[in-house]
N, C-alpha and C. Protein backbone atom coordinates (compact mmCIF):
# COMPACT_ATOMS: atom_id res chain seq x y z
N UNK A 1 60.71 9.75 -32.76
CA UNK A 1 59.34 9.96 -33.18
C UNK A 1 58.35 9.42 -32.15
N UNK A 2 58.65 8.25 -31.58
CA UNK A 2 57.76 7.66 -30.60
C UNK A 2 57.67 8.52 -29.34
N UNK A 3 58.82 9.07 -28.91
CA UNK A 3 58.82 9.92 -27.72
C UNK A 3 58.02 11.19 -27.96
N UNK A 4 58.02 11.72 -29.19
CA UNK A 4 57.26 12.92 -29.49
C UNK A 4 55.77 12.67 -29.28
N UNK A 5 55.29 11.49 -29.65
CA UNK A 5 53.87 11.16 -29.46
C UNK A 5 53.55 11.03 -27.97
N UNK A 6 54.45 10.42 -27.22
CA UNK A 6 54.24 10.25 -25.78
C UNK A 6 54.25 11.60 -25.08
N UNK A 7 55.21 12.45 -25.44
CA UNK A 7 55.34 13.75 -24.78
C UNK A 7 54.22 14.70 -25.14
N UNK A 8 53.61 14.54 -26.30
CA UNK A 8 52.51 15.41 -26.69
C UNK A 8 51.35 15.30 -25.70
N UNK A 9 51.17 14.13 -25.09
CA UNK A 9 50.09 13.91 -24.13
C UNK A 9 50.64 13.68 -22.72
N UNK A 10 51.82 14.21 -22.43
CA UNK A 10 52.50 13.94 -21.16
C UNK A 10 51.78 14.57 -19.96
N UNK A 11 51.20 15.74 -20.15
CA UNK A 11 50.52 16.42 -19.04
C UNK A 11 49.07 15.98 -19.03
N UNK A 12 48.70 15.26 -17.97
CA UNK A 12 47.32 14.80 -17.83
C UNK A 12 46.85 15.12 -16.42
N UNK A 13 45.69 15.73 -16.31
CA UNK A 13 45.08 16.07 -15.03
C UNK A 13 46.00 16.92 -14.17
N UNK A 14 46.76 17.82 -14.78
CA UNK A 14 47.62 18.72 -14.03
C UNK A 14 48.86 18.06 -13.45
N UNK A 15 49.26 16.92 -13.99
CA UNK A 15 50.46 16.25 -13.48
C UNK A 15 51.24 15.66 -14.65
N UNK A 16 52.52 15.40 -14.39
CA UNK A 16 53.40 14.81 -15.38
C UNK A 16 54.35 13.87 -14.66
N UNK A 17 54.72 12.78 -15.31
CA UNK A 17 55.67 11.85 -14.72
C UNK A 17 57.08 12.44 -14.80
N UNK A 18 57.88 12.14 -13.79
CA UNK A 18 59.24 12.66 -13.73
C UNK A 18 60.07 12.21 -14.93
N UNK A 19 59.86 11.00 -15.38
CA UNK A 19 60.56 10.48 -16.54
C UNK A 19 60.27 11.32 -17.78
N UNK A 20 59.02 11.68 -17.98
CA UNK A 20 58.63 12.48 -19.14
C UNK A 20 59.19 13.89 -19.04
N UNK A 21 59.19 14.46 -17.84
CA UNK A 21 59.70 15.82 -17.66
C UNK A 21 61.17 15.91 -18.07
N UNK A 22 61.93 14.89 -17.75
CA UNK A 22 63.34 14.87 -18.11
C UNK A 22 63.59 14.75 -19.60
N UNK A 23 62.62 14.26 -20.34
CA UNK A 23 62.78 14.07 -21.79
C UNK A 23 62.21 15.21 -22.61
N UNK A 24 61.50 16.13 -21.98
CA UNK A 24 60.91 17.26 -22.71
C UNK A 24 62.01 18.21 -23.15
N UNK A 25 62.03 18.59 -24.43
CA UNK A 25 63.06 19.52 -24.89
C UNK A 25 62.86 20.93 -24.31
N UNK A 26 63.97 21.64 -24.16
CA UNK A 26 63.93 23.01 -23.65
C UNK A 26 63.78 23.97 -24.82
N UNK A 27 62.91 24.95 -24.65
CA UNK A 27 62.71 25.99 -25.66
C UNK A 27 63.52 27.21 -25.23
N UNK A 28 64.57 27.52 -25.99
CA UNK A 28 65.44 28.65 -25.64
C UNK A 28 65.16 29.86 -26.51
N UNK A 29 64.91 29.64 -27.78
CA UNK A 29 64.59 30.74 -28.69
C UNK A 29 63.36 30.37 -29.51
N UNK A 30 62.72 31.40 -30.01
CA UNK A 30 61.50 31.18 -30.78
C UNK A 30 61.33 32.36 -31.74
N UNK A 31 60.85 32.11 -32.94
CA UNK A 31 60.63 33.20 -33.90
C UNK A 31 59.49 34.12 -33.47
N UNK A 32 58.46 33.55 -32.89
CA UNK A 32 57.32 34.36 -32.46
C UNK A 32 56.81 33.82 -31.13
N UNK A 33 57.17 34.48 -30.04
CA UNK A 33 56.79 34.04 -28.71
C UNK A 33 55.29 34.17 -28.47
N UNK A 34 54.61 34.94 -29.30
CA UNK A 34 53.16 35.09 -29.14
C UNK A 34 52.40 33.83 -29.54
N UNK A 35 53.05 32.93 -30.28
CA UNK A 35 52.43 31.66 -30.67
C UNK A 35 52.53 30.61 -29.57
N UNK A 36 53.29 30.88 -28.53
CA UNK A 36 53.52 29.91 -27.45
C UNK A 36 52.31 29.93 -26.51
N UNK A 37 51.77 28.75 -26.22
CA UNK A 37 50.63 28.62 -25.31
C UNK A 37 51.10 28.05 -23.97
N UNK A 38 50.94 28.80 -22.87
CA UNK A 38 51.34 28.27 -21.56
C UNK A 38 50.43 27.12 -21.12
N UNK A 39 51.04 26.09 -20.56
CA UNK A 39 50.29 24.94 -20.04
C UNK A 39 50.25 25.01 -18.51
N UNK A 40 51.43 25.16 -17.90
CA UNK A 40 51.48 25.20 -16.44
C UNK A 40 52.89 25.43 -15.93
N UNK A 41 52.98 25.79 -14.67
CA UNK A 41 54.25 26.09 -14.00
C UNK A 41 54.79 24.83 -13.32
N UNK A 42 56.09 24.63 -13.42
CA UNK A 42 56.75 23.48 -12.81
C UNK A 42 57.87 23.98 -11.89
N UNK A 43 57.93 23.43 -10.69
CA UNK A 43 59.04 23.69 -9.78
C UNK A 43 59.36 22.36 -9.11
N UNK A 44 60.35 21.66 -9.66
CA UNK A 44 60.64 20.31 -9.19
C UNK A 44 62.14 20.05 -9.17
N UNK A 45 62.62 19.52 -8.06
CA UNK A 45 64.03 19.15 -7.91
C UNK A 45 64.18 17.68 -8.26
N UNK A 46 64.97 17.43 -9.30
CA UNK A 46 65.29 16.05 -9.67
C UNK A 46 66.65 15.71 -9.07
N UNK A 47 67.14 14.52 -9.37
CA UNK A 47 68.40 14.08 -8.79
C UNK A 47 69.56 14.99 -9.21
N UNK A 48 69.63 15.35 -10.48
CA UNK A 48 70.74 16.15 -10.99
C UNK A 48 70.35 17.53 -11.51
N UNK A 49 69.07 17.83 -11.58
CA UNK A 49 68.64 19.10 -12.16
C UNK A 49 67.44 19.64 -11.40
N UNK A 50 67.30 20.96 -11.43
CA UNK A 50 66.14 21.62 -10.83
C UNK A 50 65.32 22.23 -11.97
N UNK A 51 64.12 21.74 -12.14
CA UNK A 51 63.22 22.24 -13.18
C UNK A 51 62.35 23.33 -12.56
N UNK A 52 62.63 24.56 -12.91
CA UNK A 52 61.82 25.68 -12.45
C UNK A 52 61.52 26.54 -13.67
N UNK A 53 60.28 26.51 -14.08
CA UNK A 53 59.88 27.24 -15.28
C UNK A 53 58.50 26.78 -15.72
N UNK A 54 58.22 26.94 -16.99
CA UNK A 54 56.90 26.64 -17.48
C UNK A 54 56.89 25.61 -18.59
N UNK A 55 55.83 24.83 -18.62
CA UNK A 55 55.58 23.94 -19.75
C UNK A 55 54.71 24.70 -20.73
N UNK A 56 55.11 24.69 -21.99
CA UNK A 56 54.38 25.42 -23.02
C UNK A 56 54.14 24.51 -24.21
N UNK A 57 53.21 24.93 -25.05
CA UNK A 57 52.91 24.19 -26.27
C UNK A 57 53.16 25.12 -27.45
N UNK A 58 53.89 24.61 -28.42
CA UNK A 58 54.19 25.37 -29.64
C UNK A 58 54.13 24.40 -30.81
N UNK A 59 53.29 24.69 -31.78
CA UNK A 59 53.11 23.83 -32.96
C UNK A 59 52.80 22.39 -32.56
N UNK A 60 51.89 22.20 -31.62
CA UNK A 60 51.44 20.89 -31.14
C UNK A 60 52.54 20.07 -30.49
N UNK A 61 53.60 20.71 -30.05
CA UNK A 61 54.66 20.04 -29.31
C UNK A 61 54.80 20.71 -27.96
N UNK A 62 55.22 19.92 -26.98
CA UNK A 62 55.37 20.43 -25.62
C UNK A 62 56.85 20.73 -25.37
N UNK A 63 57.10 21.86 -24.70
CA UNK A 63 58.46 22.29 -24.39
C UNK A 63 58.53 22.78 -22.95
N UNK A 64 59.74 22.82 -22.41
CA UNK A 64 59.99 23.41 -21.10
C UNK A 64 60.76 24.71 -21.32
N UNK A 65 60.29 25.79 -20.68
CA UNK A 65 60.96 27.08 -20.76
C UNK A 65 61.45 27.45 -19.37
N UNK A 66 62.75 27.70 -19.23
CA UNK A 66 63.32 28.05 -17.94
C UNK A 66 62.78 29.38 -17.44
N UNK A 67 62.80 29.54 -16.12
CA UNK A 67 62.32 30.77 -15.50
C UNK A 67 63.13 31.98 -15.99
N UNK A 68 64.44 31.81 -16.19
CA UNK A 68 65.28 32.91 -16.66
C UNK A 68 64.85 33.38 -18.05
N UNK A 69 64.48 32.45 -18.91
CA UNK A 69 64.02 32.81 -20.26
C UNK A 69 62.69 33.55 -20.18
N UNK A 70 61.79 33.09 -19.32
CA UNK A 70 60.50 33.74 -19.16
C UNK A 70 60.69 35.16 -18.64
N UNK A 71 61.60 35.34 -17.68
CA UNK A 71 61.88 36.69 -17.17
C UNK A 71 62.49 37.58 -18.24
N UNK A 72 63.34 37.03 -19.09
CA UNK A 72 64.00 37.81 -20.13
C UNK A 72 63.02 38.31 -21.19
N UNK A 73 62.03 37.50 -21.53
CA UNK A 73 61.08 37.91 -22.56
C UNK A 73 59.84 38.61 -21.99
N UNK A 74 59.77 38.72 -20.67
CA UNK A 74 58.56 39.24 -20.02
C UNK A 74 58.24 40.68 -20.39
N UNK A 75 59.24 41.48 -20.76
CA UNK A 75 58.93 42.85 -21.14
C UNK A 75 58.32 42.94 -22.54
N UNK A 76 58.47 41.88 -23.33
CA UNK A 76 57.91 41.85 -24.68
C UNK A 76 56.63 41.03 -24.77
N UNK A 77 56.61 39.89 -24.07
CA UNK A 77 55.46 38.97 -24.13
C UNK A 77 55.12 38.53 -22.71
N UNK A 78 53.84 38.56 -22.39
CA UNK A 78 53.38 38.14 -21.06
C UNK A 78 52.90 36.71 -21.13
N UNK A 79 53.66 35.80 -20.52
CA UNK A 79 53.24 34.40 -20.40
C UNK A 79 52.72 34.21 -18.98
N UNK A 80 51.44 33.95 -18.86
CA UNK A 80 50.87 33.74 -17.52
C UNK A 80 50.50 32.27 -17.36
N UNK A 81 51.04 31.68 -16.32
CA UNK A 81 50.81 30.27 -16.03
C UNK A 81 49.78 30.18 -14.90
N UNK A 82 48.58 29.75 -15.23
CA UNK A 82 47.48 29.71 -14.26
C UNK A 82 47.50 28.44 -13.43
N UNK A 83 48.10 27.39 -13.95
CA UNK A 83 48.12 26.10 -13.26
C UNK A 83 49.53 25.72 -12.83
N UNK A 84 49.61 25.01 -11.74
CA UNK A 84 50.88 24.43 -11.30
C UNK A 84 50.83 22.94 -11.60
N UNK A 85 51.84 22.47 -12.30
CA UNK A 85 51.92 21.06 -12.69
C UNK A 85 52.64 20.30 -11.59
N UNK A 86 52.02 19.25 -11.08
CA UNK A 86 52.68 18.40 -10.08
C UNK A 86 53.45 17.31 -10.81
N UNK A 87 54.63 17.02 -10.30
CA UNK A 87 55.49 16.01 -10.90
C UNK A 87 55.40 14.74 -10.07
N UNK A 88 55.07 13.64 -10.73
CA UNK A 88 54.92 12.36 -10.06
C UNK A 88 56.25 11.62 -10.18
N UNK A 89 56.85 11.33 -9.03
CA UNK A 89 58.09 10.55 -9.03
C UNK A 89 57.79 9.12 -9.43
N UNK A 90 58.77 8.45 -9.96
CA UNK A 90 58.56 7.10 -10.51
C UNK A 90 58.08 6.11 -9.45
N UNK A 91 58.62 6.17 -8.24
CA UNK A 91 58.17 5.24 -7.22
C UNK A 91 56.73 5.52 -6.81
N UNK A 92 56.32 6.81 -6.84
CA UNK A 92 54.93 7.15 -6.55
C UNK A 92 54.01 6.67 -7.66
N UNK A 93 54.49 6.73 -8.91
CA UNK A 93 53.70 6.29 -10.05
C UNK A 93 53.41 4.80 -9.99
N UNK A 94 54.40 4.01 -9.62
CA UNK A 94 54.18 2.55 -9.56
C UNK A 94 53.21 2.20 -8.44
N UNK A 95 53.25 2.92 -7.32
CA UNK A 95 52.29 2.68 -6.25
C UNK A 95 50.87 3.02 -6.71
N UNK A 96 50.75 4.13 -7.47
CA UNK A 96 49.45 4.55 -7.95
C UNK A 96 48.87 3.52 -8.93
N UNK A 97 49.73 2.97 -9.77
CA UNK A 97 49.27 1.97 -10.75
C UNK A 97 48.85 0.67 -10.07
N UNK A 98 49.52 0.31 -8.96
CA UNK A 98 49.19 -0.91 -8.24
C UNK A 98 47.97 -0.73 -7.33
N UNK A 99 47.58 0.53 -7.09
CA UNK A 99 46.43 0.78 -6.25
C UNK A 99 46.77 0.85 -4.77
N UNK A 100 48.01 1.12 -4.44
CA UNK A 100 48.44 1.19 -3.03
C UNK A 100 48.20 2.58 -2.52
């Protein structure tokens, strides 16, 4: 429950922390894709995974949708991502907080 509150506000000023990106659930299926609101496009290589797809909002929750899923539903629903979300690595985040 606590992570859900943190993740709801994870994207701020067009960026997201790498830690939060790894905890965002993946949206694979949906009853009505027209209810999905695109937030931004992500293309980020993590240590063990490559996140390439879109961040979306559905029922006030944030989800990650893989590029393959977006391509598969594209003939039925057009999801356009106008913004690119930058991913802040943890070591960069600590420098930013310290003012370096």
